[in-house]
Each structure stands twice: as C-alpha cells, then as structure tokens.
Amino acid sequence: MELSWFAPRIASAKVVQGDDVEVYQGQPGDLPAMTVDLDSGLTTVAYASIMSRLTYDSWEKVISFATHKDIPWFETRHAERGLPETGVTEGYWRFSKPLVAGPDGTGAEVDTGMETESVALATHFAVGGTERVRLR
C-alpha cells in the first residue's frame, strides 16, 4: 500500500543519520509520503501517527477482530463492564521505524522517542548470533 503525505494524521516523522536527527516535513499529497537521501551508514526513519478511530458496524465484526488478535477475555470483560454491543469504537496508533543500511552499513540504532519502539542494542545488520533488543 502506498500512501501520500497527510500531515493531519502524523504525530511525528524523523530521519536519523549518525548524530543528525531531522524532523521530516513532507508536502501535502507527496507520493510516496517520504523521500529520504541515504548516507553511507545507517539511516533510521521513525513515523508515529495520531490516534485513528474505527467504529464497527456489527458485534460479529468486533468479536472476529478480538478472536483474530487473540484477545480471549474481551467479550467477557466487555459484558462485565456493561458496555453496549453496538457502536463499539476502537482507537489505534501506527508506529513504524525502518532501518536502511548504506554501503558500509555502519551505525547504531537510536531511540527516537516514540511511545512504542524497539531499539537494537547491537549492530542490527550483523549476520548470525544473538541480537539484544530493548522494547519500550
């Protein structure tokens, strides 16, 4: 899926190359939404959306979603709280952080401050072995 730049849905967008952290500002309608020039090391692109809302048109779709996401307690907890089975609304955010290695592939991944984020604690592009990751 290819999306265009639509600032009202974007909480933050950053490009990190070495010690340089740039807040990315696209233009309305840019397609692709972001275009980034890579350097020789590691480039990190961090994106966070604002909260989106989805209102389900049937209880069956709500239960189907909860089942698909393996939330077995949802239906019981929903009923215990006395919530209605109509007009159920879900709020969600999207977080994305691709890493792109340039020709020499050097550099360290950084914490970009997103609410939900993973950070590799060693070179992300190492082959074999064990990789340690911090989740936030």
Protein backbone atom coordinates (compact mmCIF):
# COMPACT_ATOMS: atom_id res chain seq x y z
CA MET A 1 0.00 0.00 0.00
CA GLU A 2 1.39 3.39 -0.96
CA LEU A 3 0.14 6.40 0.98
CA SER A 4 0.59 10.10 0.41
CA TRP A 5 1.76 12.66 2.97
CA PHE A 6 -1.22 13.83 5.01
CA ALA A 7 0.02 15.97 7.91
CA PRO A 8 -3.21 15.92 9.97
CA ARG A 9 -2.69 12.18 10.59
CA ILE A 10 1.01 12.42 11.50
CA ALA A 11 2.18 12.92 15.08
CA SER A 12 5.89 12.84 14.17
CA ALA A 13 8.29 11.85 11.41
CA LYS A 14 12.07 11.87 11.86
CA VAL A 15 15.11 10.84 9.87
CA VAL A 16 18.23 9.85 11.85
CA GLN A 17 21.64 9.52 10.21
CA GLY A 18 24.53 9.25 12.66
CA ASP A 19 24.19 12.10 15.15
CA ASP A 20 21.93 14.08 12.80
CA VAL A 21 18.21 13.97 13.72
CA GLU A 22 15.94 15.76 11.25
CA VAL A 23 12.23 16.35 11.76
CA TYR A 24 10.76 15.41 8.40
CA GLN A 25 8.26 17.80 6.83
CA GLY A 26 6.51 16.49 3.74
CA GLN A 27 4.30 18.41 1.39
CA PRO A 28 0.56 17.71 1.21
CA GLY A 29 -0.05 14.93 -1.30
CA ASP A 30 3.60 13.81 -1.66
CA LEU A 31 3.59 10.30 -3.10
CA PRO A 32 5.43 8.45 -1.78
CA ALA A 33 4.80 10.19 1.52
CA MET A 34 8.51 10.35 2.39
CA THR A 35 11.62 10.54 0.22
CA VAL A 36 14.94 10.25 2.07
CA ASP A 37 18.50 10.56 0.75
CA LEU A 38 20.64 7.81 2.26
CA ASP A 39 24.17 8.26 3.51
CA SER A 40 26.84 5.55 3.67
CA GLY A 41 25.91 4.38 7.18
CA LEU A 42 22.65 3.55 8.89
CA THR A 43 19.51 5.60 8.21
CA THR A 44 16.52 5.33 10.55
CA VAL A 45 13.11 6.67 9.56
CA ALA A 46 10.72 6.98 12.52
CA TYR A 47 6.99 7.58 11.98
CA ALA A 48 4.17 7.88 14.50
CA SER A 49 0.55 8.57 13.65
CA ILE A 50 -2.07 10.34 15.69
CA MET A 51 -4.83 8.12 17.08
CA SER A 52 -7.29 6.87 14.48
CA ARG A 53 -10.76 5.64 15.36
CA LEU A 54 -12.80 2.88 13.80
CA THR A 55 -16.44 2.21 14.71
CA TYR A 56 -17.56 -1.36 13.99
CA ASP A 57 -20.88 -1.84 12.19
CA SER A 58 -21.66 -5.16 13.92
CA TRP A 59 -20.89 -7.07 17.10
CA GLU A 60 -19.82 -10.02 14.95
CA LYS A 61 -17.02 -7.94 13.45
CA VAL A 62 -15.90 -6.86 16.93
CA ILE A 63 -15.72 -10.49 18.09
CA SER A 64 -13.99 -11.52 14.86
CA PHE A 65 -11.32 -8.85 15.44
CA ALA A 66 -10.83 -9.86 19.09
CA THR A 67 -10.50 -13.50 18.04
CA HIS A 68 -8.05 -12.66 15.25
CA LYS A 69 -5.91 -10.64 17.70
CA ASP A 70 -6.08 -13.47 20.28
CA ILE A 71 -7.87 -11.47 22.98
CA PRO A 72 -9.92 -14.29 24.57
CA TRP A 73 -11.01 -12.20 27.56
CA PHE A 74 -12.51 -9.36 25.50
CA GLU A 75 -16.15 -10.46 25.25
CA THR A 76 -16.44 -11.37 28.96
CA ARG A 77 -14.76 -8.16 30.14
CA HIS A 78 -16.88 -6.05 27.78
CA ALA A 79 -20.07 -7.58 29.24
CA GLU A 80 -18.82 -7.24 32.86
CA ARG A 81 -18.36 -3.50 32.28
CA GLY A 82 -21.94 -3.22 30.99
CA LEU A 83 -20.85 -1.82 27.66
CA PRO A 84 -23.18 -1.96 24.64
CA GLU A 85 -22.64 -4.30 21.69
CA THR A 86 -23.45 -1.53 19.20
CA GLY A 87 -21.30 1.45 18.30
CA VAL A 88 -18.10 -0.22 19.53
CA THR A 89 -15.17 2.05 18.68
CA GLU A 90 -11.50 1.11 18.52
CA GLY A 91 -8.71 3.65 18.86
CA TYR A 92 -5.28 2.82 17.43
CA TRP A 93 -1.94 4.33 16.52
CA ARG A 94 0.65 3.29 13.95
CA PHE A 95 4.37 3.29 14.68
CA SER A 96 7.00 2.45 12.07
CA LYS A 97 10.78 2.53 12.19
CA PRO A 98 12.58 1.00 9.21
CA LEU A 99 16.37 0.88 9.24
CA VAL A 100 18.28 1.11 5.97
CA ALA A 101 21.99 0.30 5.75
CA GLY A 102 24.07 2.29 3.31
CA PRO A 103 27.10 0.80 1.52
CA ASP A 104 29.21 0.42 4.68
CA GLY A 105 26.23 -0.50 6.89
CA THR A 106 27.78 1.06 9.97
CA GLY A 107 25.99 2.91 12.71
CA ALA A 108 23.89 2.21 15.76
CA GLU A 109 20.15 2.27 16.05
CA VAL A 110 18.82 5.00 18.33
CA ASP A 111 15.76 5.53 20.49
CA THR A 112 13.69 8.11 18.62
CA GLY A 113 11.22 8.75 21.44
CA MET A 114 8.13 7.05 20.03
CA GLU A 115 5.62 5.75 22.56
CA THR A 116 6.07 2.18 21.28
CA GLU A 117 9.51 1.35 19.93
CA SER A 118 12.19 -1.32 19.71
CA VAL A 119 15.89 -0.46 19.69
CA ALA A 120 18.58 -2.95 18.68
CA LEU A 121 21.38 -2.85 21.26
CA ALA A 122 23.98 -4.14 18.79
CA THR A 123 24.59 -3.72 15.07
CA HIS A 124 21.24 -4.52 13.53
CA PHE A 125 22.72 -5.94 10.35
CA ALA A 126 25.05 -8.50 11.95
CA VAL A 127 24.81 -12.00 10.49
CA GLY A 128 24.20 -14.89 12.88
CA GLY A 129 24.48 -14.86 16.64
CA THR A 130 22.09 -13.33 19.12
CA GLU A 131 20.66 -9.85 18.95
CA ARG A 132 19.55 -7.93 22.01
CA VAL A 133 16.64 -5.51 21.66
CA ARG A 134 15.13 -3.06 24.14
CA LEU A 135 11.36 -2.58 23.88
CA ARG A 136 9.53 0.46 25.12
